[in-house]
Amino acid sequence: MKPENRTSTYTCREYREEMILLALQKKLAAPDLVPEEKQTLLREIAEVEARMGMD
């Protein structure tokens, strides 16, 4: 098997989006989260994932 040659560049924007997603997921894991905050976080996570092409 040959390794794939990747020509795309990992951008600062992609890194930033990944860090935002990780932070939101970490907040979502908080045990004392109220339902309203959970819904807000889930909506924000969906928006970031859509921007990243993960939807």
PDB file of N, CA and C in Angstrom:
ATOM      1  N   MET A   1       0.821  -1.179   0.000  1.00  0.00           N
ATOM      2  CA  MET A   1       0.000   0.000   0.000  1.00  0.00           C
ATOM      3  C   MET A   1       0.868   1.246   0.000  1.00  0.00           C
ATOM      4  N   LYS A   2       0.496   2.170  -0.831  1.00  0.00           N
ATOM      5  CA  LYS A   2       1.208   3.437  -0.889  1.00  0.00           C
ATOM      6  C   LYS A   2       0.527   4.449   0.023  1.00  0.00           C
ATOM      7  N   PRO A   3       1.311   5.241   0.744  1.00  0.00           N
ATOM      8  CA  PRO A   3       0.684   6.297   1.543  1.00  0.00           C
ATOM      9  C   PRO A   3       0.109   7.373   0.631  1.00  0.00           C
ATOM     10  N   GLU A   4      -1.013   7.936   1.057  1.00  0.00           N
ATOM     11  CA  GLU A   4      -1.642   8.993   0.258  1.00  0.00           C
ATOM     12  C   GLU A   4      -0.812  10.265   0.333  1.00  0.00           C
ATOM     13  N   ASN A   5      -0.688  10.916  -0.805  1.00  0.00           N
ATOM     14  CA  ASN A   5      -0.047  12.221  -0.829  1.00  0.00           C
ATOM     15  C   ASN A   5      -1.109  13.273  -0.614  1.00  0.00           C
ATOM     16  N   ARG A   6      -0.983  14.028   0.442  1.00  0.00           N
ATOM     17  CA  ARG A   6      -1.961  15.075   0.727  1.00  0.00           C
ATOM     18  C   ARG A   6      -1.360  16.404   0.291  1.00  0.00           C
ATOM     19  N   THR A   7      -2.111  17.112  -0.509  1.00  0.00           N
ATOM     20  CA  THR A   7      -1.633  18.404  -0.985  1.00  0.00           C
ATOM     21  C   THR A   7      -2.322  19.559  -0.280  1.00  0.00           C
ATOM     22  N   SER A   8      -3.347  19.260   0.530  1.00  0.00           N
ATOM     23  CA  SER A   8      -4.049  20.334   1.219  1.00  0.00           C
ATOM     24  C   SER A   8      -3.234  20.826   2.407  1.00  0.00           C
ATOM     25  N   THR A   9      -3.449  22.063   2.735  1.00  0.00           N
ATOM     26  CA  THR A   9      -2.735  22.690   3.834  1.00  0.00           C
ATOM     27  C   THR A   9      -3.675  22.837   5.017  1.00  0.00           C
ATOM     28  N   TYR A  10      -3.185  22.485   6.182  1.00  0.00           N
ATOM     29  CA  TYR A  10      -3.941  22.635   7.419  1.00  0.00           C
ATOM     30  C   TYR A  10      -3.863  24.099   7.818  1.00  0.00           C
ATOM     31  N   THR A  11      -5.001  24.759   7.843  1.00  0.00           N
ATOM     32  CA  THR A  11      -4.998  26.197   8.056  1.00  0.00           C
ATOM     33  C   THR A  11      -5.232  26.574   9.514  1.00  0.00           C
ATOM     34  N   CYS A  12      -4.935  27.803   9.799  1.00  0.00           N
ATOM     35  CA  CYS A  12      -5.157  28.373  11.116  1.00  0.00           C
ATOM     36  C   CYS A  12      -6.651  28.349  11.442  1.00  0.00           C
ATOM     37  N   ARG A  13      -7.470  28.599  10.454  1.00  0.00           N
ATOM     38  CA  ARG A  13      -8.924  28.598  10.645  1.00  0.00           C
ATOM     39  C   ARG A  13      -9.413  27.203  11.029  1.00  0.00           C
ATOM     40  N   GLU A  14      -8.894  26.186  10.369  1.00  0.00           N
ATOM     41  CA  GLU A  14      -9.291  24.811  10.692  1.00  0.00           C
ATOM     42  C   GLU A  14      -8.897  24.462  12.122  1.00  0.00           C
ATOM     43  N   TYR A  15      -7.695  24.860  12.507  1.00  0.00           N
ATOM     44  CA  TYR A  15      -7.232  24.616  13.875  1.00  0.00           C
ATOM     45  C   TYR A  15      -8.146  25.321  14.877  1.00  0.00           C
ATOM     46  N   ARG A  16      -8.491  26.557  14.578  1.00  0.00           N
ATOM     47  CA  ARG A  16      -9.353  27.346  15.459  1.00  0.00           C
ATOM     48  C   ARG A  16     -10.718  26.677  15.612  1.00  0.00           C
ATOM     49  N   GLU A  17     -11.296  26.228  14.513  1.00  0.00           N
ATOM     50  CA  GLU A  17     -12.597  25.561  14.566  1.00  0.00           C
ATOM     51  C   GLU A  17     -12.519  24.282  15.405  1.00  0.00           C
ATOM     52  N   GLU A  18     -11.434  23.530  15.268  1.00  0.00           N
ATOM     53  CA  GLU A  18     -11.264  22.318  16.063  1.00  0.00           C
ATOM     54  C   GLU A  18     -11.186  22.634  17.547  1.00  0.00           C
ATOM     55  N   MET A  19     -10.475  23.694  17.897  1.00  0.00           N
ATOM     56  CA  MET A  19     -10.337  24.074  19.303  1.00  0.00           C
ATOM     57  C   MET A  19     -11.670  24.564  19.871  1.00  0.00           C
ATOM     58  N   ILE A  20     -12.432  25.285  19.067  1.00  0.00           N
ATOM     59  CA  ILE A  20     -13.766  25.729  19.496  1.00  0.00           C
ATOM     60  C   ILE A  20     -14.648  24.514  19.741  1.00  0.00           C
ATOM     61  N   LEU A  21     -14.622  23.554  18.830  1.00  0.00           N
ATOM     62  CA  LEU A  21     -15.431  22.346  18.962  1.00  0.00           C
ATOM     63  C   LEU A  21     -15.053  21.573  20.230  1.00  0.00           C
ATOM     64  N   LEU A  22     -13.767  21.427  20.476  1.00  0.00           N
ATOM     65  CA  LEU A  22     -13.328  20.723  21.680  1.00  0.00           C
ATOM     66  C   LEU A  22     -13.776  21.430  22.949  1.00  0.00           C
ATOM     67  N   ALA A  23     -13.694  22.752  22.963  1.00  0.00           N
ATOM     68  CA  ALA A  23     -14.117  23.523  24.137  1.00  0.00           C
ATOM     69  C   ALA A  23     -15.619  23.362  24.376  1.00  0.00           C
ATOM     70  N   LEU A  24     -16.402  23.402  23.307  1.00  0.00           N
ATOM     71  CA  LEU A  24     -17.847  23.230  23.443  1.00  0.00           C
ATOM     72  C   LEU A  24     -18.191  21.830  23.950  1.00  0.00           C
ATOM     73  N   GLN A  25     -17.491  20.826  23.448  1.00  0.00           N
ATOM     74  CA  GLN A  25     -17.737  19.452  23.889  1.00  0.00           C
ATOM     75  C   GLN A  25     -17.361  19.276  25.353  1.00  0.00           C
ATOM     76  N   LYS A  26     -16.294  19.948  25.776  1.00  0.00           N
ATOM     77  CA  LYS A  26     -15.877  19.887  27.180  1.00  0.00           C
ATOM     78  C   LYS A  26     -16.940  20.527  28.070  1.00  0.00           C
ATOM     79  N   LYS A  27     -17.472  21.668  27.652  1.00  0.00           N
ATOM     80  CA  LYS A  27     -18.539  22.322  28.413  1.00  0.00           C
ATOM     81  C   LYS A  27     -19.768  21.429  28.495  1.00  0.00           C
ATOM     82  N   LEU A  28     -20.074  20.734  27.396  1.00  0.00           N
ATOM     83  CA  LEU A  28     -21.242  19.863  27.339  1.00  0.00           C
ATOM     84  C   LEU A  28     -21.133  18.714  28.345  1.00  0.00           C
ATOM     85  N   ALA A  29     -19.929  18.310  28.675  1.00  0.00           N
ATOM     86  CA  ALA A  29     -19.708  17.197  29.600  1.00  0.00           C
ATOM     87  C   ALA A  29     -19.830  17.608  31.068  1.00  0.00           C
ATOM     88  N   ALA A  30     -20.037  18.887  31.346  1.00  0.00           N
ATOM     89  CA  ALA A  30     -20.146  19.361  32.723  1.00  0.00           C
ATOM     90  C   ALA A  30     -21.357  18.717  33.403  1.00  0.00           C
ATOM     91  N   PRO A  31     -21.168  18.190  34.614  1.00  0.00           N
ATOM     92  CA  PRO A  31     -22.264  17.506  35.298  1.00  0.00           C
ATOM     93  C   PRO A  31     -23.388  18.432  35.784  1.00  0.00           C
ATOM     94  N   ASP A  32     -23.092  19.699  35.995  1.00  0.00           N
ATOM     95  CA  ASP A  32     -24.087  20.620  36.542  1.00  0.00           C
ATOM     96  C   ASP A  32     -24.770  21.472  35.468  1.00  0.00           C
ATOM     97  N   LEU A  33     -24.793  20.982  34.263  1.00  0.00           N
ATOM     98  CA  LEU A  33     -25.357  21.714  33.132  1.00  0.00           C
ATOM     99  C   LEU A  33     -26.890  21.697  33.177  1.00  0.00           C
ATOM    100  N   VAL A  34     -27.491  22.867  33.050  1.00  0.00           N
ATOM    101  CA  VAL A  34     -28.964  22.936  33.010  1.00  0.00           C
ATOM    102  C   VAL A  34     -29.422  22.674  31.575  1.00  0.00           C
ATOM    103  N   PRO A  35     -30.656  22.205  31.400  1.00  0.00           N
ATOM    104  CA  PRO A  35     -31.147  21.839  30.060  1.00  0.00           C
ATOM    105  C   PRO A  35     -31.028  22.954  29.016  1.00  0.00           C
ATOM    106  N   GLU A  36     -31.268  24.202  29.422  1.00  0.00           N
ATOM    107  CA  GLU A  36     -31.176  25.313  28.468  1.00  0.00           C
ATOM    108  C   GLU A  36     -29.747  25.483  27.954  1.00  0.00           C
ATOM    109  N   GLU A  37     -28.777  25.354  28.870  1.00  0.00           N
ATOM    110  CA  GLU A  37     -27.369  25.468  28.469  1.00  0.00           C
ATOM    111  C   GLU A  37     -26.986  24.305  27.557  1.00  0.00           C
ATOM    112  N   LYS A  38     -27.503  23.120  27.870  1.00  0.00           N
ATOM    113  CA  LYS A  38     -27.198  21.945  27.053  1.00  0.00           C
ATOM    114  C   LYS A  38     -27.697  22.148  25.626  1.00  0.00           C
ATOM    115  N   GLN A  39     -28.915  22.643  25.477  1.00  0.00           N
ATOM    116  CA  GLN A  39     -29.475  22.879  24.147  1.00  0.00           C
ATOM    117  C   GLN A  39     -28.663  23.921  23.383  1.00  0.00           C
ATOM    118  N   THR A  40     -28.254  24.978  24.078  1.00  0.00           N
ATOM    119  CA  THR A  40     -27.436  26.017  23.443  1.00  0.00           C
ATOM    120  C   THR A  40     -26.113  25.439  22.963  1.00  0.00           C
ATOM    121  N   LEU A  41     -25.473  24.641  23.816  1.00  0.00           N
ATOM    122  CA  LEU A  41     -24.199  24.030  23.440  1.00  0.00           C
ATOM    123  C   LEU A  41     -24.365  23.071  22.266  1.00  0.00           C
ATOM    124  N   LEU A  42     -25.421  22.277  22.281  1.00  0.00           N
ATOM    125  CA  LEU A  42     -25.654  21.344  21.168  1.00  0.00           C
ATOM    126  C   LEU A  42     -25.858  22.098  19.859  1.00  0.00           C
ATOM    127  N   ARG A  43     -26.547  23.221  19.926  1.00  0.00           N
ATOM    128  CA  ARG A  43     -26.774  24.031  18.722  1.00  0.00           C
ATOM    129  C   ARG A  43     -25.442  24.616  18.223  1.00  0.00           C
ATOM    130  N   GLU A  44     -24.634  25.119  19.154  1.00  0.00           N
ATOM    131  CA  GLU A  44     -23.334  25.680  18.765  1.00  0.00           C
ATOM    132  C   GLU A  44     -22.423  24.606  18.183  1.00  0.00           C
ATOM    133  N   ILE A  45     -22.441  23.416  18.764  1.00  0.00           N
ATOM    134  CA  ILE A  45     -21.623  22.313  18.253  1.00  0.00           C
ATOM    135  C   ILE A  45     -22.059  21.963  16.833  1.00  0.00           C
ATOM    136  N   ALA A  46     -23.360  21.909  16.593  1.00  0.00           N
ATOM    137  CA  ALA A  46     -23.867  21.609  15.250  1.00  0.00           C
ATOM    138  C   ALA A  46     -23.420  22.664  14.253  1.00  0.00           C
ATOM    139  N   GLU A  47     -23.417  23.939  14.659  1.00  0.00           N
ATOM    140  CA  GLU A  47     -22.986  25.016  13.765  1.00  0.00           C
ATOM    141  C   GLU A  47     -21.507  24.882  13.414  1.00  0.00           C
ATOM    142  N   VAL A  48     -20.683  24.595  14.418  1.00  0.00           N
ATOM    143  CA  VAL A  48     -19.235  24.454  14.167  1.00  0.00           C
ATOM    144  C   VAL A  48     -18.989  23.234  13.267  1.00  0.00           C
ATOM    145  N   GLU A  49     -19.663  22.134  13.567  1.00  0.00           N
ATOM    146  CA  GLU A  49     -19.495  20.932  12.738  1.00  0.00           C
ATOM    147  C   GLU A  49     -19.917  21.195  11.288  1.00  0.00           C
ATOM    148  N   ALA A  50     -20.961  21.959  11.104  1.00  0.00           N
ATOM    149  CA  ALA A  50     -21.407  22.297   9.738  1.00  0.00           C
ATOM    150  C   ALA A  50     -20.343  23.127   9.024  1.00  0.00           C
ATOM    151  N   ARG A  51     -19.764  24.092   9.724  1.00  0.00           N
ATOM    152  CA  ARG A  51     -18.703  24.906   9.127  1.00  0.00           C
ATOM    153  C   ARG A  51     -17.492  24.057   8.759  1.00  0.00           C
ATOM    154  N   MET A  52     -17.266  23.004   9.541  1.00  0.00           N
ATOM    155  CA  MET A  52     -16.122  22.139   9.299  1.00  0.00           C
ATOM    156  C   MET A  52     -16.429  21.051   8.268  1.00  0.00           C
ATOM    157  N   GLY A  53     -17.682  20.994   7.814  1.00  0.00           N
ATOM    158  CA  GLY A  53     -18.053  19.963   6.845  1.00  0.00           C
ATOM    159  C   GLY A  53     -18.292  18.613   7.466  1.00  0.00           C
ATOM    160  N   MET A  54     -18.621  18.589   8.754  1.00  0.00           N
ATOM    161  CA  MET A  54     -18.831  17.334   9.462  1.00  0.00           C
ATOM    162  C   MET A  54     -20.305  16.960   9.585  1.00  0.00           C
ATOM    163  N   ASP A  55     -21.185  17.768   9.011  1.00  0.00           N
ATOM    164  CA  ASP A  55     -22.619  17.512   9.176  1.00  0.00           C
ATOM    165  C   ASP A  55     -23.127  16.432   8.277  1.00  0.00           C
TER     166      ASP A  55
END
